Amino acid sequence: MKKRGKNVVIFGGGTGLSIILRGLKIYTDNITAIVTVADNGGGSGVLREDLGMLPPGDIRNCIISLADTPPIMEQLMQHRFKEGYLKGQSFGNLFIAAMNEIHGDFEHAIKEVSNIFRIKGQVLPMTLTDTNLVAELESGLSIFGEDTIPEYVSKTSDRIKKISLVPDLCNPLEETLSSIEDADVIILGPGSLYTSVIPNLLIKNISEMIGSSKAKIYYVCNLMTQPGETDGYSISDHVDALFQHGDGLRIDYIVVNDEKVDEKVGKIYRQKNATQILIDDKQEEYLSKKNIKIIRDNFLDIEKNYIRHDANKISKAILEQRKVIDFMKG
């Protein structure tokens, strides 16, 4: 039976990726989510250190987003233990860890978990190499570890100059390469710029393959700056960072929100040193010089004072190409 919809490959990690996947699966069954596995904090970091496995947290979230199972199963996979030795650990992480031990390798474990949850598409780690992030700061100092980088930068205001992987040579999965070759649409983000999106571009040959792909390439820009990563960043700063790290990278479209958050919510985020990222004439001029078309609209989804992307609206704008010109200035 032929699966419906365009072939979509999306790169990222964290909450941003899992949110967008919920929208994409409404319009297509052909989704490949490539997920960063360089995180070393939280429950995932504990399992990584104790069991010598790749961190499962972001992959767990993506599987849940693409799953075709009753809500209670999502509740179970996201359940975090509140007491004892397992305090702070999620059941879903432990489930993936058990499957990893049963099957003897992480790639097989993720495929089996995906089958159990009958996901639409596939979820793949960006690499099977045990890798970590290193940030070179503007001061010349290098900071090791995904969980350490934002914390240090926030305390010192020493901005990130460049991010890299250790080891620096990490190979992608064969399924990733074939998915890029077959893609109609490739999406970068949303997600933490330096710790979720860019790490995927540092994997061997990935940026070049994206740049030469027949697919249309979209970047979903973040709604807010992220303390310790993108303090004070504009849209052009985000795009510059992508091109700096992605040799041969191409971006055809950028998806940006043009609706201001209300003052109450904005104040809550400013207290956390996060500010809204908005399009303006200067950013439009910059993107035009880069030959990047702009898809702009109110893409905000605010619930309980938490700002996130409207996944359904973004997915519809990208996959249906419904009067895309209406979203673009001019």
Protein backbone atom coordinates (compact mmCIF):
# COMPACT_ATOMS: atom_id res chain seq x y z
CA MET A 1 0.00 0.00 0.00
CA LYS A 2 1.41 3.36 -1.08
CA LYS A 3 1.97 5.83 1.72
CA ARG A 4 0.36 9.25 1.36
CA GLY A 5 2.12 12.57 1.14
CA LYS A 6 5.47 14.07 0.26
CA ASN A 7 8.78 12.66 1.40
CA VAL A 8 9.90 14.88 4.28
CA VAL A 9 13.23 14.84 6.08
CA ILE A 10 13.52 17.02 9.17
CA PHE A 11 16.63 17.69 11.26
CA GLY A 12 16.72 18.85 14.85
CA GLY A 13 16.23 17.83 18.44
CA GLY A 14 14.66 18.91 21.67
CA THR A 15 11.08 20.03 22.12
CA GLY A 16 10.93 22.01 18.87
CA LEU A 17 11.37 18.98 16.62
CA SER A 18 8.83 16.82 18.44
CA ILE A 19 6.22 19.61 18.24
CA ILE A 20 6.58 20.07 14.48
CA LEU A 21 6.33 16.31 13.91
CA ARG A 22 2.80 16.35 15.34
CA GLY A 23 1.80 18.73 12.58
CA LEU A 24 3.67 16.99 9.76
CA LYS A 25 2.02 13.61 10.36
CA ILE A 26 -1.37 15.15 9.58
CA TYR A 27 -0.25 15.72 5.98
CA THR A 28 2.16 12.89 5.21
CA ASP A 29 3.19 9.40 6.30
CA ASN A 30 6.63 9.74 4.71
CA ILE A 31 8.58 11.43 7.48
CA THR A 32 12.20 10.88 8.44
CA ALA A 33 13.21 12.67 11.63
CA ILE A 34 16.98 12.94 12.11
CA VAL A 35 17.64 13.59 15.78
CA THR A 36 20.74 14.92 17.49
CA VAL A 37 22.33 12.52 19.98
CA ALA A 38 24.99 14.79 21.46
CA ASP A 39 23.10 15.67 24.65
CA ASN A 40 24.71 14.63 27.91
CA GLY A 41 22.42 16.04 30.59
CA GLY A 42 19.28 14.97 32.44
CA GLY A 43 17.94 11.42 32.46
CA SER A 44 19.41 10.73 29.02
CA GLY A 45 22.84 11.74 30.23
CA VAL A 46 22.59 9.37 33.20
CA LEU A 47 21.73 6.41 30.95
CA ARG A 48 24.45 7.40 28.52
CA GLU A 49 27.06 7.39 31.26
CA ASP A 50 25.80 4.31 33.14
CA LEU A 51 24.98 2.05 30.19
CA GLY A 52 27.27 3.36 27.47
CA MET A 53 24.33 3.97 25.11
CA LEU A 54 23.36 6.94 23.01
CA PRO A 55 21.05 9.43 24.80
CA PRO A 56 17.41 8.40 24.17
CA GLY A 57 15.46 11.47 25.34
CA ASP A 58 14.96 13.44 22.11
CA ILE A 59 14.39 10.25 20.13
CA ARG A 60 11.75 9.17 22.65
CA ASN A 61 9.90 12.46 22.20
CA CYS A 62 9.96 12.15 18.41
CA ILE A 63 8.67 8.57 18.47
CA ILE A 64 5.80 9.67 20.72
CA SER A 65 4.97 12.56 18.39
CA LEU A 66 4.72 10.23 15.39
CA ALA A 67 3.03 7.38 17.25
CA ASP A 68 -0.38 5.95 16.41
CA THR A 69 -1.30 4.72 19.89
CA PRO A 70 -3.81 5.57 22.64
CA PRO A 71 -3.06 8.67 24.79
CA ILE A 72 -2.33 6.48 27.81
CA MET A 73 0.72 5.12 26.00
CA GLU A 74 2.09 8.63 25.55
CA GLN A 75 1.43 9.30 29.22
CA LEU A 76 3.28 6.11 30.11
CA MET A 77 6.31 6.85 27.92
CA GLN A 78 6.59 10.40 29.30
CA HIS A 79 6.07 9.42 32.93
CA ARG A 80 8.92 10.50 35.19
CA PHE A 81 9.53 8.73 38.46
CA LYS A 82 9.27 10.96 41.50
CA GLU A 83 11.00 8.88 44.16
CA GLY A 84 13.88 6.46 44.74
CA TYR A 85 16.82 5.63 42.51
CA LEU A 86 14.74 6.30 39.39
CA LYS A 87 13.75 9.82 40.46
CA GLY A 88 13.77 12.13 37.43
CA GLN A 89 14.08 9.29 34.91
CA SER A 90 11.35 8.74 32.34
CA PHE A 91 9.79 5.36 31.65
CA GLY A 92 10.30 5.92 27.93
CA ASN A 93 14.05 6.32 28.37
CA LEU A 94 14.17 3.09 30.37
CA PHE A 95 12.08 1.31 27.74
CA ILE A 96 14.50 2.31 24.98
CA ALA A 97 17.45 1.34 27.20
CA ALA A 98 15.91 -2.12 27.72
CA MET A 99 15.39 -2.55 23.98
CA ASN A 100 18.97 -1.45 23.38
CA GLU A 101 20.19 -4.16 25.74
CA ILE A 102 17.89 -6.81 24.25
CA HIS A 103 18.91 -6.15 20.65
CA GLY A 104 22.52 -5.24 21.30
CA ASP A 105 22.57 -2.01 19.29
CA PHE A 106 20.85 1.35 19.39
CA GLU A 107 19.76 1.48 15.75
CA HIS A 108 17.89 -1.83 15.96
CA ALA A 109 16.36 -0.84 19.29
CA ILE A 110 14.91 2.39 17.87
CA LYS A 111 13.43 0.56 14.89
CA GLU A 112 11.74 -1.98 17.16
CA VAL A 113 10.35 0.71 19.46
CA SER A 114 9.08 2.58 16.40
CA ASN A 115 7.33 -0.57 15.16
CA ILE A 116 5.70 -1.13 18.52
CA PHE A 117 4.29 2.40 18.49
CA ARG A 118 3.31 2.21 14.81
CA ILE A 119 4.86 5.56 14.00
CA LYS A 120 4.26 7.43 10.77
CA GLY A 121 7.68 7.52 9.17
CA GLN A 122 10.97 6.80 10.89
CA VAL A 123 13.13 8.31 13.61
CA LEU A 124 16.90 8.06 13.19
CA PRO A 125 19.83 9.21 15.33
CA MET A 126 22.08 11.64 13.48
CA THR A 127 24.96 9.20 14.02
CA LEU A 128 25.72 6.01 15.93
CA THR A 129 29.03 7.46 17.09
CA ASP A 130 29.31 8.37 20.76
CA THR A 131 29.77 12.10 20.26
CA ASN A 132 29.79 15.26 22.33
CA LEU A 133 29.63 18.99 21.62
CA VAL A 134 32.41 21.49 22.11
CA ALA A 135 31.79 25.23 21.85
CA GLU A 136 34.55 27.64 20.94
CA LEU A 137 33.67 30.98 22.53
CA GLU A 138 34.57 34.46 21.33
CA SER A 139 37.09 34.74 24.17
CA GLY A 140 38.95 31.72 22.76
CA LEU A 141 37.85 29.42 25.57
CA SER A 142 36.41 25.99 24.70
CA ILE A 143 33.51 24.49 26.67
CA PHE A 144 32.73 20.76 26.55
CA GLY A 145 29.27 19.24 26.83
CA GLU A 146 25.77 20.09 25.58
CA ASP A 147 24.45 20.72 29.09
CA THR A 148 27.45 22.82 30.14
CA ILE A 149 27.65 25.22 27.18
CA PRO A 150 24.45 27.31 27.69
CA GLU A 151 24.98 27.43 31.44
CA TYR A 152 28.52 28.81 31.11
CA VAL A 153 27.63 31.31 28.39
CA SER A 154 24.67 32.59 30.42
CA LYS A 155 26.89 33.23 33.43
CA THR A 156 29.74 34.89 31.54
CA SER A 157 28.03 36.48 28.48
CA ASP A 158 30.87 35.01 26.41
CA ARG A 159 29.15 34.28 23.09
CA ILE A 160 29.46 31.09 21.04
CA LYS A 161 31.72 31.48 18.02
CA LYS A 162 31.70 27.93 16.72
CA ILE A 163 30.35 24.52 17.68
CA SER A 164 32.01 21.21 16.83
CA LEU A 165 31.74 17.50 17.52
CA VAL A 166 34.15 15.27 19.41
CA PRO A 167 35.17 13.12 17.63
CA ASP A 168 34.93 15.46 14.64
CA LEU A 169 34.34 12.67 12.11
CA CYS A 170 30.89 11.14 12.63
CA ASN A 171 29.15 9.15 9.94
CA PRO A 172 25.42 9.31 9.21
CA LEU A 173 23.18 6.26 8.90
CA GLU A 174 22.63 4.84 5.42
CA GLU A 175 18.89 5.43 5.88
CA THR A 176 19.61 9.12 6.40
CA LEU A 177 21.49 9.39 3.12
CA SER A 178 18.82 7.55 1.14
CA SER A 179 16.08 9.66 2.76
CA ILE A 180 17.82 12.88 1.70
CA GLU A 181 18.17 11.56 -1.85
CA ASP A 182 14.44 10.77 -2.00
CA ALA A 183 13.23 13.89 -0.19
CA ASP A 184 10.73 16.33 -1.63
CA VAL A 185 11.07 18.61 1.39
CA ILE A 186 13.94 19.04 3.87
CA ILE A 187 13.30 21.01 7.07
CA LEU A 188 15.90 22.40 9.47
CA GLY A 189 14.62 23.16 12.95
CA PRO A 190 13.05 24.51 14.96
CA GLY A 191 15.13 23.88 18.06
CA SER A 192 18.18 25.06 19.95
CA LEU A 193 20.41 26.47 17.23
CA TYR A 194 23.80 25.30 18.48
CA THR A 195 22.87 22.20 20.45
CA SER A 196 19.98 20.71 18.41
CA VAL A 197 20.02 21.92 14.80
CA ILE A 198 23.64 22.64 13.88
CA PRO A 199 25.07 19.34 15.25
CA ASN A 200 23.20 17.53 12.46
CA LEU A 201 25.00 19.66 9.87
CA LEU A 202 28.39 18.60 11.26
CA ILE A 203 27.86 14.94 10.38
CA LYS A 204 29.94 13.80 7.40
CA ASN A 205 28.50 14.86 4.00
CA ILE A 206 25.11 15.96 5.41
CA SER A 207 25.37 19.69 4.64
CA GLU A 208 26.64 19.01 1.14
CA MET A 209 23.86 16.52 0.44
CA ILE A 210 21.24 18.98 1.65
CA GLY A 211 22.75 21.70 -0.53
CA SER A 212 22.70 19.56 -3.67
CA SER A 213 19.33 17.93 -2.98
CA LYS A 214 16.41 18.19 -5.42
CA ALA A 215 14.21 18.92 -2.40
CA LYS A 216 12.99 22.33 -1.30
CA ILE A 217 14.91 23.35 1.82
CA TYR A 218 13.13 25.11 4.69
CA TYR A 219 14.47 26.60 7.89
CA VAL A 220 11.93 27.10 10.68
CA CYS A 221 13.35 29.95 12.71
CA ASN A 222 12.92 29.92 16.47
CA LEU A 223 10.29 32.14 18.06
CA MET A 224 12.46 33.30 20.95
CA THR A 225 16.15 33.71 21.66
CA GLN A 226 17.63 31.05 23.93
CA PRO A 227 19.65 32.10 26.98
CA GLY A 228 23.22 30.89 26.72
CA GLU A 229 22.96 30.13 23.01
CA THR A 230 21.40 32.90 20.96
CA ASP A 231 21.17 35.91 23.27
CA GLY A 232 20.40 38.98 21.17
CA TYR A 233 20.26 37.02 17.93
CA SER A 234 18.23 38.24 14.96
CA ILE A 235 16.92 36.06 12.13
CA SER A 236 20.03 36.87 10.08
CA ASP A 237 22.26 35.78 12.98
CA HIS A 238 20.53 32.39 13.01
CA VAL A 239 20.94 31.97 9.26
CA ASP A 240 24.58 33.11 9.36
CA ALA A 241 25.34 30.46 11.99
CA LEU A 242 23.77 27.75 9.84
CA PHE A 243 25.82 28.72 6.80
CA GLN A 244 28.98 29.07 8.88
CA HIS A 245 28.70 25.49 10.10
CA GLY A 246 27.11 23.88 7.05
CA ASP A 247 29.55 23.66 4.14
CA GLY A 248 27.58 23.69 0.89
CA LEU A 249 24.29 24.25 2.70
CA ARG A 250 21.33 25.73 0.83
CA ILE A 251 18.16 27.29 2.24
CA ASP A 252 15.27 28.05 -0.13
CA TYR A 253 12.62 29.19 2.35
CA ILE A 254 12.56 30.50 5.88
CA VAL A 255 9.46 30.19 8.05
CA VAL A 256 9.16 33.13 10.44
CA ASN A 257 6.53 34.33 12.85
CA ASP A 258 5.37 37.94 12.46
CA GLU A 259 2.96 38.14 15.40
CA LYS A 260 4.06 39.81 18.62
CA VAL A 261 3.43 37.98 21.87
CA ASP A 262 1.28 39.83 24.38
CA GLU A 263 3.03 41.87 27.03
CA LYS A 264 2.21 39.49 29.90
CA VAL A 265 3.84 36.49 28.23
CA GLY A 266 6.69 38.57 26.85
CA LYS A 267 7.53 39.84 30.34
CA ILE A 268 7.70 36.26 31.67
CA TYR A 269 10.22 35.34 29.00
CA ARG A 270 12.25 38.53 29.39
CA GLN A 271 12.66 37.67 33.06
CA LYS A 272 14.34 34.48 31.82
CA ASN A 273 16.54 36.55 29.47
CA ALA A 274 14.69 35.38 26.35
CA THR A 275 13.33 37.84 23.78
CA GLN A 276 11.11 37.46 20.75
CA ILE A 277 12.60 37.06 17.27
CA LEU A 278 10.67 39.07 14.67
CA ILE A 279 11.03 39.86 10.99
CA ASP A 280 11.72 43.45 9.96
CA ASP A 281 12.85 45.34 6.84
CA LYS A 282 16.53 44.82 7.60
CA GLN A 283 16.04 41.06 7.96
CA GLU A 284 13.98 40.92 4.78
CA GLU A 285 16.74 42.67 2.86
CA TYR A 286 19.32 40.25 4.24
CA LEU A 287 17.26 37.20 3.29
CA SER A 288 16.61 38.59 -0.19
CA LYS A 289 20.35 38.90 -0.80
CA LYS A 290 20.69 35.26 0.25
CA ASN A 291 17.93 34.27 -2.22
CA ILE A 292 15.85 32.93 0.67
CA LYS A 293 12.09 33.34 0.27
CA ILE A 294 10.09 34.26 3.36
CA ILE A 295 7.01 32.43 4.62
CA ARG A 296 5.59 34.68 7.29
CA ASP A 297 2.43 34.50 9.34
CA ASN A 298 1.18 34.24 12.90
CA PHE A 299 2.78 30.92 13.81
CA LEU A 300 2.40 31.37 17.56
CA ASP A 301 0.77 28.77 19.77
CA ILE A 302 0.67 29.98 23.37
CA GLU A 303 -0.66 27.71 26.08
CA LYS A 304 -0.33 28.34 29.83
CA ASN A 305 2.14 31.15 29.07
CA TYR A 306 4.37 28.74 27.15
CA ILE A 307 5.34 29.88 23.64
CA ARG A 308 5.71 27.28 20.90
CA HIS A 309 5.13 26.94 17.17
CA ASP A 310 1.72 26.22 15.69
CA ALA A 311 2.79 22.89 14.18
CA ASN A 312 -0.35 22.40 12.13
CA LYS A 313 -0.16 25.83 10.53
CA ILE A 314 3.55 25.53 9.72
CA SER A 315 3.15 22.03 8.30
CA LYS A 316 0.27 23.16 6.12
CA ALA A 317 2.22 26.14 4.81
CA ILE A 318 5.20 23.94 3.93
CA LEU A 319 3.57 20.76 2.64
CA GLU A 320 0.48 22.04 0.90
CA GLN A 321 2.31 25.03 -0.58
CA ARG A 322 -1.10 26.65 -0.24
CA LYS A 323 -0.72 30.04 -1.89
CA VAL A 324 2.77 30.36 -0.50
CA ILE A 325 3.05 33.72 -2.18
CA ASP A 326 0.42 34.98 0.27
CA PHE A 327 2.86 34.41 3.10
CA MET A 328 5.67 36.26 1.36
CA LYS A 329 6.10 39.97 1.26
CA GLY A 330 5.64 41.20 -2.29
